[in-house]
C-alpha cells in the first residue's frame, strides 16, 4: 500500500507541472503474505524476520519530516483485508457521495495503524475505519462486514499483486514507475525504481519526461 508520501509527491507535481495532465495509479502490494492472518506483534515479528526493528529508525526519521510520525506502530499487519476494504470503498459501481480515492483510503488506514496503534488485519478495525473515515454508511456496514469476513475479492487483490510483480517487477514498497504518454503511445523510456526518494529525484524525472512532450 501507498500513503501520505504519494499524496505529497502528487501535490508537488501539480505545483511544478500544472500545464500537464497526469494520472497516478496505485497498485496493491503485500510485503509478506505469510504474515499471520490476525497480524503479529510488531517487535516479535521484526525479531523473527530480521533480528530486530532497528531498520525502521531511518524510516521513522524520514517520515517525521513529512508529518508521518509512526508514533504508535504496535502491529505488523496482514494487509489483505485492508486491500479488500479499499477495493470495496472505491468500487466504481458503489453509489456514494464524496467517494474516497485510493490515496484517501491509504491515508486513513496508515493513520490508524501507525499513529493510533490499531491492528488493520482485523475485520472490526477495518469496519471502524470505513465508517469513521471513509464514508461507509449505516446501511453498508453489514455488507462490508460480510465482504471482509468472507474474503470477497481477495483473489482479485492477489491477482493484481501478481500482475504487478510480473509486469513491473515490483518486489517491495515503495516502488515507482514514472512514464510519459502522448495519446495512446508511451513517449521515451519509463523510470522504474524502488525505495523512498528525495523530492529532487522526482523533479528531475518530471522535467526530463515533460521535455519529451514538447
N, C-alpha and C. Protein backbone atom coordinates (compact mmCIF):
# COMPACT_ATOMS: atom_id res chain seq x y z
N UNK A 1 0.84 -1.19 0.00
CA UNK A 1 0.00 0.00 0.00
C UNK A 1 0.88 1.24 0.00
N UNK A 2 0.28 2.30 -0.54
CA UNK A 2 1.00 3.57 -0.54
C UNK A 2 0.29 4.51 0.44
N UNK A 3 0.83 5.76 0.60
CA UNK A 3 0.20 6.62 1.59
C UNK A 3 0.48 8.09 1.42
N UNK A 4 0.69 8.77 2.56
CA UNK A 4 0.85 10.21 2.55
C UNK A 4 1.96 10.66 1.62
N UNK A 5 3.01 9.83 1.46
CA UNK A 5 4.12 10.21 0.60
C UNK A 5 3.66 10.38 -0.83
N UNK A 6 2.76 9.49 -1.27
CA UNK A 6 2.24 9.60 -2.63
C UNK A 6 1.46 10.91 -2.80
N UNK A 7 0.68 11.24 -1.78
CA UNK A 7 -0.11 12.47 -1.84
C UNK A 7 0.83 13.68 -1.95
N UNK A 8 1.90 13.67 -1.18
CA UNK A 8 2.84 14.79 -1.21
C UNK A 8 3.48 14.91 -2.58
N UNK A 9 3.88 13.79 -3.15
CA UNK A 9 4.51 13.83 -4.48
C UNK A 9 3.52 14.32 -5.53
N UNK A 10 2.25 13.91 -5.41
CA UNK A 10 1.24 14.33 -6.37
C UNK A 10 1.06 15.84 -6.31
N UNK A 11 0.94 16.40 -5.12
CA UNK A 11 0.73 17.83 -4.98
C UNK A 11 1.93 18.60 -5.49
N UNK A 12 3.14 18.10 -5.23
CA UNK A 12 4.34 18.76 -5.72
C UNK A 12 4.35 18.76 -7.25
N UNK A 13 3.97 17.65 -7.85
CA UNK A 13 3.95 17.55 -9.31
C UNK A 13 2.99 18.57 -9.89
N UNK A 14 1.81 18.70 -9.31
CA UNK A 14 0.83 19.63 -9.84
C UNK A 14 1.32 21.07 -9.74
N UNK A 15 2.01 21.36 -8.65
CA UNK A 15 2.52 22.72 -8.45
C UNK A 15 3.56 23.07 -9.51
N UNK A 16 4.44 22.13 -9.83
CA UNK A 16 5.54 22.40 -10.75
C UNK A 16 5.17 22.22 -12.21
N UNK A 17 4.20 21.33 -12.49
CA UNK A 17 3.87 20.98 -13.86
C UNK A 17 2.35 21.04 -14.07
N UNK A 18 1.74 22.14 -13.69
CA UNK A 18 0.28 22.25 -13.71
C UNK A 18 -0.29 22.29 -15.12
N UNK A 19 0.55 22.47 -16.14
CA UNK A 19 0.07 22.51 -17.52
C UNK A 19 0.03 21.13 -18.15
N UNK A 20 0.38 20.09 -17.39
CA UNK A 20 0.42 18.73 -17.92
C UNK A 20 -0.62 17.87 -17.21
N UNK A 21 -1.42 17.15 -17.99
CA UNK A 21 -2.39 16.22 -17.42
C UNK A 21 -1.65 14.97 -16.94
N UNK A 22 -1.95 14.52 -15.74
CA UNK A 22 -1.26 13.36 -15.23
C UNK A 22 -2.23 12.44 -14.50
N UNK A 23 -1.86 11.18 -14.43
CA UNK A 23 -2.65 10.16 -13.73
C UNK A 23 -1.72 9.41 -12.79
N UNK A 24 -2.17 9.22 -11.56
CA UNK A 24 -1.43 8.41 -10.60
C UNK A 24 -2.23 7.14 -10.34
N UNK A 25 -1.61 6.00 -10.58
CA UNK A 25 -2.25 4.70 -10.35
C UNK A 25 -1.53 4.01 -9.21
N UNK A 26 -2.28 3.60 -8.19
CA UNK A 26 -1.70 2.91 -7.04
C UNK A 26 -1.99 1.42 -7.14
N UNK A 27 -0.95 0.61 -7.06
CA UNK A 27 -1.07 -0.84 -7.15
C UNK A 27 -1.04 -1.45 -5.75
N UNK A 28 -1.83 -2.49 -5.50
CA UNK A 28 -1.73 -3.17 -4.20
C UNK A 28 -0.45 -3.98 -4.12
N UNK A 29 0.05 -4.16 -2.90
CA UNK A 29 1.24 -4.98 -2.70
C UNK A 29 1.25 -5.45 -1.24
N UNK A 30 1.69 -6.68 -1.02
CA UNK A 30 1.87 -7.20 0.33
C UNK A 30 3.33 -7.56 0.51
N UNK A 31 3.97 -6.97 1.51
CA UNK A 31 5.38 -7.24 1.77
C UNK A 31 5.57 -8.70 2.15
N UNK A 32 4.69 -9.21 3.00
CA UNK A 32 4.83 -10.59 3.47
C UNK A 32 3.45 -11.25 3.56
N UNK A 33 3.02 -11.89 2.48
CA UNK A 33 1.71 -12.57 2.51
C UNK A 33 1.65 -13.68 3.56
N UNK A 34 2.82 -14.12 4.05
CA UNK A 34 2.85 -15.17 5.07
C UNK A 34 2.62 -14.67 6.48
N UNK A 35 2.43 -13.36 6.66
CA UNK A 35 2.11 -12.82 7.98
C UNK A 35 0.82 -13.47 8.49
N UNK A 36 0.77 -13.77 9.78
CA UNK A 36 -0.43 -14.39 10.35
C UNK A 36 -1.66 -13.57 10.02
N UNK A 37 -2.77 -14.24 9.78
CA UNK A 37 -3.98 -13.56 9.33
C UNK A 37 -4.44 -12.47 10.29
N UNK A 38 -4.21 -12.69 11.59
CA UNK A 38 -4.64 -11.70 12.58
C UNK A 38 -3.56 -10.67 12.87
N UNK A 39 -2.45 -10.71 12.09
CA UNK A 39 -1.34 -9.80 12.33
C UNK A 39 -0.44 -10.33 13.43
N UNK A 40 0.70 -9.67 13.63
CA UNK A 40 1.66 -10.10 14.64
C UNK A 40 2.18 -8.89 15.42
N UNK A 41 2.55 -9.13 16.67
CA UNK A 41 3.10 -8.06 17.49
C UNK A 41 4.35 -7.51 16.80
N UNK A 42 4.46 -6.20 16.75
CA UNK A 42 5.47 -5.53 15.93
C UNK A 42 6.89 -6.01 16.21
N UNK A 43 7.33 -5.92 17.46
CA UNK A 43 8.72 -6.26 17.78
C UNK A 43 8.98 -7.74 17.59
N UNK A 44 8.03 -8.57 17.98
CA UNK A 44 8.20 -10.02 17.84
C UNK A 44 8.36 -10.40 16.37
N UNK A 45 7.58 -9.78 15.51
CA UNK A 45 7.69 -10.07 14.08
C UNK A 45 9.06 -9.65 13.56
N UNK A 46 9.49 -8.46 13.92
CA UNK A 46 10.78 -7.96 13.43
C UNK A 46 11.95 -8.81 13.92
N UNK A 47 11.87 -9.26 15.16
CA UNK A 47 12.93 -10.12 15.69
C UNK A 47 12.95 -11.45 14.93
N UNK A 48 11.77 -12.00 14.69
CA UNK A 48 11.69 -13.28 13.99
C UNK A 48 12.23 -13.17 12.57
N UNK A 49 11.93 -12.08 11.91
CA UNK A 49 12.28 -11.98 10.49
C UNK A 49 13.63 -11.34 10.25
N UNK A 50 13.97 -10.30 10.99
CA UNK A 50 15.20 -9.55 10.71
C UNK A 50 16.15 -9.44 11.90
N UNK A 51 15.76 -10.00 13.03
CA UNK A 51 16.62 -9.92 14.20
C UNK A 51 16.36 -8.69 15.04
N UNK A 52 15.46 -7.82 14.62
CA UNK A 52 15.14 -6.61 15.38
C UNK A 52 14.50 -5.56 14.49
N UNK A 53 14.05 -4.47 15.10
CA UNK A 53 13.34 -3.42 14.36
C UNK A 53 14.21 -2.20 14.09
N UNK A 54 15.53 -2.37 14.23
CA UNK A 54 16.43 -1.22 14.03
C UNK A 54 16.30 -0.60 12.66
N UNK A 55 15.96 -1.41 11.67
CA UNK A 55 15.84 -0.89 10.29
C UNK A 55 14.75 0.16 10.16
N UNK A 56 13.79 0.19 11.09
CA UNK A 56 12.68 1.14 10.99
C UNK A 56 13.07 2.55 11.44
N UNK A 57 14.22 2.71 12.09
CA UNK A 57 14.57 4.02 12.63
C UNK A 57 14.76 5.06 11.53
N UNK A 58 15.43 4.68 10.45
CA UNK A 58 15.62 5.64 9.35
C UNK A 58 14.27 5.96 8.70
N UNK A 59 13.41 4.97 8.62
CA UNK A 59 12.07 5.18 8.07
C UNK A 59 11.31 6.20 8.92
N UNK A 60 11.40 6.07 10.21
CA UNK A 60 10.69 6.98 11.12
C UNK A 60 11.28 8.39 11.04
N UNK A 61 12.59 8.49 10.94
CA UNK A 61 13.21 9.82 10.82
C UNK A 61 12.75 10.51 9.55
N UNK A 62 12.73 9.77 8.45
CA UNK A 62 12.28 10.35 7.19
C UNK A 62 10.81 10.72 7.25
N UNK A 63 10.02 9.87 7.89
CA UNK A 63 8.59 10.11 8.00
C UNK A 63 8.25 11.36 8.78
N UNK A 64 8.99 11.59 9.86
CA UNK A 64 8.71 12.77 10.70
C UNK A 64 8.86 14.07 9.92
N UNK A 65 9.72 14.07 8.91
CA UNK A 65 9.93 15.29 8.12
C UNK A 65 8.70 15.67 7.31
N UNK A 66 7.83 14.70 7.03
CA UNK A 66 6.63 14.97 6.23
C UNK A 66 5.35 14.71 7.02
N UNK A 67 5.47 14.64 8.36
CA UNK A 67 4.29 14.50 9.20
C UNK A 67 3.84 13.08 9.44
N UNK A 68 4.60 12.08 8.99
CA UNK A 68 4.29 10.68 9.28
C UNK A 68 5.18 10.25 10.44
N UNK A 69 4.65 10.31 11.66
CA UNK A 69 5.49 10.16 12.85
C UNK A 69 5.71 8.72 13.29
N UNK A 70 4.88 7.80 12.82
CA UNK A 70 4.98 6.40 13.25
C UNK A 70 5.03 6.32 14.77
N UNK A 71 4.16 7.07 15.43
CA UNK A 71 4.25 7.24 16.88
C UNK A 71 3.63 6.09 17.67
N UNK A 72 2.85 5.21 17.03
CA UNK A 72 2.18 4.16 17.79
C UNK A 72 2.03 2.89 16.96
N UNK A 73 3.13 2.44 16.37
CA UNK A 73 3.15 1.28 15.47
C UNK A 73 3.29 0.02 16.33
N UNK A 74 2.17 -0.67 16.58
CA UNK A 74 2.16 -1.79 17.51
C UNK A 74 2.12 -3.16 16.83
N UNK A 75 1.62 -3.19 15.59
CA UNK A 75 1.34 -4.47 14.94
C UNK A 75 1.98 -4.52 13.56
N UNK A 76 2.51 -5.70 13.21
CA UNK A 76 2.87 -5.95 11.82
C UNK A 76 1.65 -6.64 11.21
N UNK A 77 0.91 -5.96 10.35
CA UNK A 77 -0.38 -6.50 9.93
C UNK A 77 -0.30 -7.42 8.72
N UNK A 78 -1.29 -8.26 8.59
CA UNK A 78 -1.58 -8.91 7.32
C UNK A 78 -2.54 -7.96 6.60
N UNK A 79 -2.12 -7.41 5.48
CA UNK A 79 -2.86 -6.30 4.86
C UNK A 79 -3.89 -6.74 3.81
N UNK A 80 -4.11 -8.05 3.67
CA UNK A 80 -5.02 -8.49 2.61
C UNK A 80 -6.41 -7.90 2.77
N UNK A 81 -6.96 -7.94 3.97
CA UNK A 81 -8.31 -7.42 4.17
C UNK A 81 -8.35 -5.89 4.04
N UNK A 82 -7.25 -5.23 4.35
CA UNK A 82 -7.19 -3.78 4.15
C UNK A 82 -7.29 -3.45 2.67
N UNK A 83 -6.63 -4.25 1.84
CA UNK A 83 -6.76 -4.07 0.39
C UNK A 83 -8.20 -4.31 -0.06
N UNK A 84 -8.85 -5.30 0.56
CA UNK A 84 -10.25 -5.59 0.22
C UNK A 84 -11.16 -4.42 0.62
N UNK A 85 -10.85 -3.79 1.75
CA UNK A 85 -11.62 -2.60 2.16
C UNK A 85 -11.47 -1.49 1.12
N UNK A 86 -10.25 -1.25 0.66
CA UNK A 86 -10.03 -0.21 -0.33
C UNK A 86 -10.81 -0.51 -1.61
N UNK A 87 -10.75 -1.77 -2.05
CA UNK A 87 -11.47 -2.15 -3.27
C UNK A 87 -12.98 -1.96 -3.10
N UNK A 88 -13.49 -2.25 -1.92
CA UNK A 88 -14.93 -2.09 -1.65
C UNK A 88 -15.32 -0.62 -1.69
N UNK A 89 -14.56 0.20 -0.99
CA UNK A 89 -14.90 1.62 -0.86
C UNK A 89 -14.80 2.34 -2.20
N UNK A 90 -13.79 1.99 -3.00
CA UNK A 90 -13.55 2.71 -4.26
C UNK A 90 -14.19 2.05 -5.48
N UNK A 91 -14.92 0.97 -5.26
CA UNK A 91 -15.56 0.25 -6.37
C UNK A 91 -16.40 1.22 -7.22
N UNK A 92 -16.15 1.29 -8.52
CA UNK A 92 -16.90 2.23 -9.38
C UNK A 92 -18.41 2.03 -9.33
N UNK A 93 -18.85 0.82 -9.03
CA UNK A 93 -20.29 0.54 -9.00
C UNK A 93 -20.94 0.95 -7.68
N UNK A 94 -20.14 1.31 -6.69
CA UNK A 94 -20.69 1.71 -5.39
C UNK A 94 -21.22 3.14 -5.48
N UNK A 95 -22.47 3.31 -5.14
CA UNK A 95 -23.11 4.62 -5.17
C UNK A 95 -22.86 5.33 -3.84
N UNK A 96 -22.11 6.41 -3.87
CA UNK A 96 -21.80 7.14 -2.64
C UNK A 96 -21.43 8.57 -2.98
N UNK A 97 -21.79 9.47 -2.08
CA UNK A 97 -21.40 10.86 -2.23
C UNK A 97 -19.97 11.04 -1.70
N UNK A 98 -19.19 11.87 -2.38
CA UNK A 98 -17.82 12.15 -1.95
C UNK A 98 -17.04 10.86 -1.71
N UNK A 99 -17.09 9.96 -2.69
CA UNK A 99 -16.40 8.69 -2.56
C UNK A 99 -14.89 8.91 -2.41
N UNK A 100 -14.26 8.30 -1.40
CA UNK A 100 -12.82 8.50 -1.21
C UNK A 100 -12.01 7.90 -2.35
N UNK A 101 -10.84 8.47 -2.58
CA UNK A 101 -9.89 7.91 -3.54
C UNK A 101 -9.07 6.84 -2.85
N UNK A 102 -8.27 6.12 -3.64
CA UNK A 102 -7.36 5.13 -3.05
C UNK A 102 -6.39 5.81 -2.10
N UNK A 103 -5.91 7.00 -2.45
CA UNK A 103 -5.00 7.74 -1.57
C UNK A 103 -5.67 8.09 -0.25
N UNK A 104 -6.95 8.49 -0.30
CA UNK A 104 -7.70 8.79 0.92
C UNK A 104 -7.78 7.56 1.81
N UNK A 105 -8.06 6.42 1.19
CA UNK A 105 -8.15 5.16 1.94
C UNK A 105 -6.82 4.81 2.59
N UNK A 106 -5.75 4.91 1.81
CA UNK A 106 -4.42 4.61 2.34
C UNK A 106 -4.08 5.51 3.52
N UNK A 107 -4.37 6.80 3.39
CA UNK A 107 -4.06 7.74 4.46
C UNK A 107 -4.80 7.37 5.74
N UNK A 108 -6.08 7.00 5.63
CA UNK A 108 -6.88 6.63 6.80
C UNK A 108 -6.35 5.35 7.44
N UNK A 109 -6.01 4.37 6.61
CA UNK A 109 -5.51 3.10 7.12
C UNK A 109 -4.14 3.28 7.76
N UNK A 110 -3.27 4.05 7.12
CA UNK A 110 -1.94 4.28 7.67
C UNK A 110 -2.02 5.03 9.00
N UNK A 111 -2.89 6.01 9.09
CA UNK A 111 -3.03 6.76 10.33
C UNK A 111 -3.50 5.84 11.46
N UNK A 112 -4.47 4.98 11.13
CA UNK A 112 -4.97 4.05 12.14
C UNK A 112 -3.86 3.11 12.62
N UNK A 113 -3.05 2.62 11.69
CA UNK A 113 -2.02 1.63 12.03
C UNK A 113 -0.81 2.27 12.70
N UNK A 114 -0.28 3.33 12.11
CA UNK A 114 0.98 3.89 12.57
C UNK A 114 0.83 4.90 13.71
N UNK A 115 -0.27 5.62 13.74
CA UNK A 115 -0.42 6.69 14.73
C UNK A 115 -1.40 6.34 15.85
N UNK A 116 -2.40 5.50 15.56
CA UNK A 116 -3.40 5.17 16.57
C UNK A 116 -3.22 3.76 17.15
N UNK A 117 -2.24 3.03 16.65
CA UNK A 117 -1.94 1.72 17.22
C UNK A 117 -2.96 0.64 16.94
N UNK A 118 -3.74 0.79 15.87
CA UNK A 118 -4.79 -0.17 15.56
C UNK A 118 -4.24 -1.32 14.71
N UNK A 119 -4.88 -2.48 14.84
CA UNK A 119 -4.49 -3.65 14.07
C UNK A 119 -5.38 -3.76 12.84
N UNK A 120 -4.85 -3.36 11.69
CA UNK A 120 -5.66 -3.31 10.48
C UNK A 120 -5.82 -4.68 9.81
N UNK A 121 -5.36 -5.72 10.48
CA UNK A 121 -5.61 -7.08 10.00
C UNK A 121 -7.04 -7.51 10.30
N UNK A 122 -7.67 -6.87 11.29
CA UNK A 122 -8.93 -7.33 11.85
C UNK A 122 -10.14 -6.68 11.18
N UNK A 123 -11.16 -7.48 10.98
CA UNK A 123 -12.38 -7.01 10.31
C UNK A 123 -13.01 -5.85 11.08
N UNK A 124 -13.17 -5.99 12.38
CA UNK A 124 -13.82 -4.93 13.17
C UNK A 124 -13.07 -3.61 13.06
N UNK A 125 -11.75 -3.68 13.05
CA UNK A 125 -10.94 -2.46 12.91
C UNK A 125 -11.19 -1.81 11.56
N UNK A 126 -11.23 -2.60 10.51
CA UNK A 126 -11.42 -2.06 9.16
C UNK A 126 -12.82 -1.49 8.98
N UNK A 127 -13.81 -2.13 9.58
CA UNK A 127 -15.18 -1.59 9.51
C UNK A 127 -15.22 -0.24 10.23
N UNK A 128 -14.53 -0.14 11.36
CA UNK A 128 -14.47 1.12 12.11
C UNK A 128 -13.82 2.21 11.26
N UNK A 129 -12.73 1.89 10.58
CA UNK A 129 -12.07 2.86 9.71
C UNK A 129 -13.02 3.26 8.58
N UNK A 130 -13.70 2.27 8.03
CA UNK A 130 -14.63 2.54 6.94
C UNK A 130 -15.74 3.49 7.33
N UNK A 131 -16.32 3.27 8.50
CA UNK A 131 -17.45 4.10 8.93
C UNK A 131 -17.02 5.47 9.43
N UNK A 132 -15.87 5.53 10.10
CA UNK A 132 -15.45 6.79 10.71
C UNK A 132 -14.65 7.68 9.75
N UNK A 133 -14.02 7.08 8.75
CA UNK A 133 -13.11 7.86 7.91
C UNK A 133 -13.40 7.82 6.42
N UNK A 134 -14.14 6.79 5.97
CA UNK A 134 -14.24 6.57 4.53
C UNK A 134 -15.66 6.60 4.00
N UNK A 135 -16.58 7.08 4.80
CA UNK A 135 -17.93 7.31 4.30
C UNK A 135 -18.82 6.09 4.19
N UNK A 136 -18.45 4.98 4.82
CA UNK A 136 -19.34 3.82 4.84
C UNK A 136 -20.55 4.16 5.68
N UNK A 137 -21.74 3.98 5.10
CA UNK A 137 -22.97 4.34 5.79
C UNK A 137 -23.47 3.20 6.66
N UNK A 138 -24.42 3.52 7.52
CA UNK A 138 -25.00 2.51 8.40
C UNK A 138 -25.61 1.38 7.60
N UNK A 139 -26.19 1.71 6.44
CA UNK A 139 -26.82 0.69 5.60
C UNK A 139 -25.78 -0.24 4.95
N UNK A 140 -24.53 0.22 4.87
CA UNK A 140 -23.49 -0.57 4.22
C UNK A 140 -22.68 -1.43 5.19
N UNK A 141 -22.81 -1.19 6.47
CA UNK A 141 -21.94 -1.84 7.46
C UNK A 141 -22.03 -3.36 7.39
N UNK A 142 -23.24 -3.88 7.37
CA UNK A 142 -23.42 -5.33 7.35
C UNK A 142 -22.82 -5.95 6.09
N UNK A 143 -23.00 -5.27 4.96
CA UNK A 143 -22.47 -5.79 3.70
C UNK A 143 -20.94 -5.75 3.72
N UNK A 144 -20.36 -4.67 4.23
CA UNK A 144 -18.91 -4.57 4.32
C UNK A 144 -18.36 -5.64 5.27
N UNK A 145 -19.02 -5.83 6.39
CA UNK A 145 -18.58 -6.85 7.36
C UNK A 145 -18.54 -8.22 6.69
N UNK A 146 -19.59 -8.55 5.96
CA UNK A 146 -19.66 -9.83 5.26
C UNK A 146 -18.60 -9.92 4.18
N UNK A 147 -18.39 -8.82 3.47
CA UNK A 147 -17.40 -8.74 2.39
C UNK A 147 -16.01 -9.11 2.93
N UNK A 148 -15.68 -8.58 4.10
CA UNK A 148 -14.35 -8.81 4.68
C UNK A 148 -14.25 -10.19 5.33
N UNK A 149 -15.28 -10.59 6.04
CA UNK A 149 -15.25 -11.88 6.72
C UNK A 149 -15.19 -13.04 5.73
N UNK A 150 -15.84 -12.88 4.59
CA UNK A 150 -15.88 -13.95 3.59
C UNK A 150 -14.76 -13.84 2.56
N UNK A 151 -13.85 -12.87 2.77
CA UNK A 151 -12.73 -12.67 1.85
C UNK A 151 -13.18 -12.42 0.42
N UNK A 152 -14.30 -11.74 0.28
CA UNK A 152 -14.78 -11.39 -1.06
C UNK A 152 -13.77 -10.46 -1.74
N UNK A 153 -13.35 -10.85 -2.91
CA UNK A 153 -12.40 -10.02 -3.64
C UNK A 153 -10.94 -10.29 -3.31
N UNK A 154 -10.67 -11.21 -2.38
CA UNK A 154 -9.29 -11.49 -2.01
C UNK A 154 -8.50 -12.03 -3.20
N UNK A 155 -9.13 -12.91 -3.98
CA UNK A 155 -8.44 -13.47 -5.15
C UNK A 155 -8.11 -12.38 -6.16
N UNK A 156 -9.00 -11.40 -6.31
CA UNK A 156 -8.73 -10.30 -7.24
C UNK A 156 -7.55 -9.46 -6.77
N UNK A 157 -7.48 -9.22 -5.46
CA UNK A 157 -6.35 -8.47 -4.91
C UNK A 157 -5.04 -9.20 -5.17
N UNK A 158 -5.01 -10.50 -4.88
CA UNK A 158 -3.78 -11.27 -5.08
C UNK A 158 -3.40 -11.34 -6.56
N UNK A 159 -4.40 -11.42 -7.42
CA UNK A 159 -4.13 -11.45 -8.86
C UNK A 159 -3.49 -10.13 -9.30
N UNK A 160 -3.99 -9.03 -8.78
CA UNK A 160 -3.44 -7.72 -9.14
C UNK A 160 -2.01 -7.57 -8.62
N UNK A 161 -1.74 -8.11 -7.42
CA UNK A 161 -0.39 -8.07 -6.87
C UNK A 161 0.56 -8.88 -7.75
N UNK A 162 0.12 -10.07 -8.17
CA UNK A 162 0.96 -10.91 -9.03
C UNK A 162 1.20 -10.25 -10.39
N UNK A 163 0.19 -9.56 -10.90
CA UNK A 163 0.36 -8.84 -12.17
C UNK A 163 1.44 -7.76 -12.03
N UNK A 164 1.42 -7.04 -10.91
CA UNK A 164 2.44 -6.03 -10.66
C UNK A 164 3.83 -6.62 -10.57
N UNK A 165 3.92 -7.78 -9.94
CA UNK A 165 5.22 -8.45 -9.83
C UNK A 165 5.77 -8.83 -11.21
N UNK A 166 4.89 -9.38 -12.04
CA UNK A 166 5.33 -9.89 -13.34
C UNK A 166 5.53 -8.77 -14.36
N UNK A 167 4.59 -7.83 -14.41
CA UNK A 167 4.64 -6.80 -15.44
C UNK A 167 5.67 -5.72 -15.13
N UNK A 168 5.76 -5.35 -13.84
CA UNK A 168 6.62 -4.22 -13.48
C UNK A 168 7.80 -4.62 -12.60
N UNK A 169 7.91 -5.91 -12.28
CA UNK A 169 8.97 -6.38 -11.39
C UNK A 169 8.92 -5.72 -10.02
N UNK A 170 7.71 -5.46 -9.53
CA UNK A 170 7.56 -4.87 -8.20
C UNK A 170 7.94 -5.92 -7.16
N UNK A 171 8.90 -5.57 -6.33
CA UNK A 171 9.38 -6.52 -5.34
C UNK A 171 9.44 -5.93 -3.94
N UNK A 172 8.92 -4.73 -3.78
CA UNK A 172 8.93 -4.08 -2.48
C UNK A 172 8.19 -2.77 -2.56
N UNK A 173 8.04 -2.10 -1.41
CA UNK A 173 7.38 -0.80 -1.39
C UNK A 173 8.24 0.18 -0.60
N UNK A 174 8.22 1.46 -1.00
CA UNK A 174 7.51 1.96 -2.17
C UNK A 174 8.23 1.58 -3.46
N UNK A 175 7.47 1.46 -4.54
CA UNK A 175 8.01 1.20 -5.86
C UNK A 175 7.33 2.15 -6.82
N UNK A 176 8.11 2.82 -7.64
CA UNK A 176 7.58 3.85 -8.52
C UNK A 176 7.87 3.52 -9.98
N UNK A 177 6.87 3.73 -10.81
CA UNK A 177 7.06 3.67 -12.26
C UNK A 177 6.55 5.00 -12.81
N UNK A 178 7.42 5.75 -13.45
CA UNK A 178 7.05 7.07 -13.94
C UNK A 178 7.33 7.12 -15.45
N UNK A 179 6.30 7.41 -16.22
CA UNK A 179 6.46 7.47 -17.67
C UNK A 179 5.60 8.55 -18.28
N UNK A 180 5.86 8.86 -19.53
CA UNK A 180 5.09 9.87 -20.26
C UNK A 180 4.31 9.19 -21.38
N UNK A 181 3.09 9.67 -21.59
CA UNK A 181 2.23 9.11 -22.63
C UNK A 181 1.66 10.25 -23.45
N UNK A 182 1.68 10.10 -24.76
CA UNK A 182 1.06 11.08 -25.65
C UNK A 182 0.05 10.33 -26.52
N UNK A 183 -1.22 10.69 -26.35
CA UNK A 183 -2.27 9.91 -27.00
C UNK A 183 -2.35 8.54 -26.33
N UNK A 184 -2.15 7.49 -27.11
CA UNK A 184 -2.15 6.15 -26.55
C UNK A 184 -0.77 5.51 -26.59
N UNK A 185 0.25 6.31 -26.89
CA UNK A 185 1.60 5.77 -27.03
C UNK A 185 2.53 6.31 -25.95
N UNK A 186 3.39 5.43 -25.46
CA UNK A 186 4.39 5.86 -24.49
C UNK A 186 5.45 6.70 -25.19
N UNK A 187 5.95 7.69 -24.48
CA UNK A 187 7.00 8.56 -25.01
C UNK A 187 8.24 8.36 -24.16
N UNK A 188 9.30 7.93 -24.78
CA UNK A 188 10.52 7.68 -24.04
C UNK A 188 10.41 6.44 -23.17
N UNK A 189 11.45 6.18 -22.43
CA UNK A 189 11.51 5.01 -21.57
C UNK A 189 11.06 5.36 -20.16
N UNK A 190 10.11 4.61 -19.60
CA UNK A 190 9.65 4.92 -18.24
C UNK A 190 10.72 4.61 -17.20
N UNK A 191 10.68 5.32 -16.10
CA UNK A 191 11.59 5.06 -15.00
C UNK A 191 10.91 4.08 -14.04
N UNK A 192 11.65 3.12 -13.54
CA UNK A 192 11.16 2.22 -12.51
C UNK A 192 12.21 2.12 -11.42
N UNK A 193 11.81 2.37 -10.17
CA UNK A 193 12.80 2.33 -9.09
C UNK A 193 12.11 2.06 -7.76
N UNK A 194 12.86 1.50 -6.84
CA UNK A 194 12.34 1.10 -5.54
C UNK A 194 12.93 1.96 -4.44
N UNK A 195 12.18 2.12 -3.38
CA UNK A 195 12.67 2.84 -2.21
C UNK A 195 12.25 4.28 -2.17
N UNK A 196 12.16 4.83 -0.96
CA UNK A 196 11.79 6.24 -0.79
C UNK A 196 12.85 7.12 -1.44
N UNK A 197 12.41 8.19 -2.09
CA UNK A 197 13.30 9.06 -2.84
C UNK A 197 13.14 10.51 -2.40
N UNK A 198 14.21 11.26 -2.51
CA UNK A 198 14.14 12.69 -2.26
C UNK A 198 13.29 13.34 -3.35
N UNK A 199 12.62 14.42 -3.00
CA UNK A 199 11.75 15.09 -3.96
C UNK A 199 12.50 15.56 -5.20
N UNK A 200 13.79 15.87 -5.05
CA UNK A 200 14.58 16.33 -6.21
C UNK A 200 14.69 15.24 -7.27
N UNK A 201 14.67 13.97 -6.84
CA UNK A 201 14.72 12.86 -7.80
C UNK A 201 13.51 12.89 -8.70
N UNK A 202 12.34 13.13 -8.11
CA UNK A 202 11.11 13.17 -8.89
C UNK A 202 11.09 14.40 -9.81
N UNK A 203 11.55 15.53 -9.29
CA UNK A 203 11.55 16.74 -10.10
C UNK A 203 12.41 16.54 -11.33
N UNK A 204 13.58 15.94 -11.17
CA UNK A 204 14.47 15.69 -12.32
C UNK A 204 13.78 14.80 -13.35
N UNK A 205 13.10 13.75 -12.88
CA UNK A 205 12.42 12.84 -13.81
C UNK A 205 11.27 13.55 -14.51
N UNK A 206 10.48 14.30 -13.75
CA UNK A 206 9.34 15.00 -14.33
C UNK A 206 9.80 15.99 -15.40
N UNK A 207 10.89 16.70 -15.11
CA UNK A 207 11.39 17.67 -16.08
C UNK A 207 11.85 16.99 -17.36
N UNK A 208 12.55 15.85 -17.22
CA UNK A 208 13.00 15.15 -18.41
C UNK A 208 11.84 14.60 -19.21
N UNK A 209 10.84 14.02 -18.52
CA UNK A 209 9.68 13.48 -19.22
C UNK A 209 8.85 14.59 -19.85
N UNK A 210 8.71 15.72 -19.14
CA UNK A 210 7.95 16.83 -19.67
C UNK A 210 8.60 17.38 -20.94
N UNK A 211 9.94 17.40 -20.96
CA UNK A 211 10.64 17.90 -22.15
C UNK A 211 10.43 17.00 -23.36
N UNK A 212 10.18 15.72 -23.11
CA UNK A 212 9.95 14.79 -24.22
C UNK A 212 8.59 15.01 -24.86
N UNK A 213 7.71 15.76 -24.18
CA UNK A 213 6.37 16.02 -24.71
C UNK A 213 6.29 17.36 -25.44
N UNK A 214 7.36 18.12 -25.39
CA UNK A 214 7.35 19.46 -26.02
C UNK A 214 7.53 19.37 -27.53
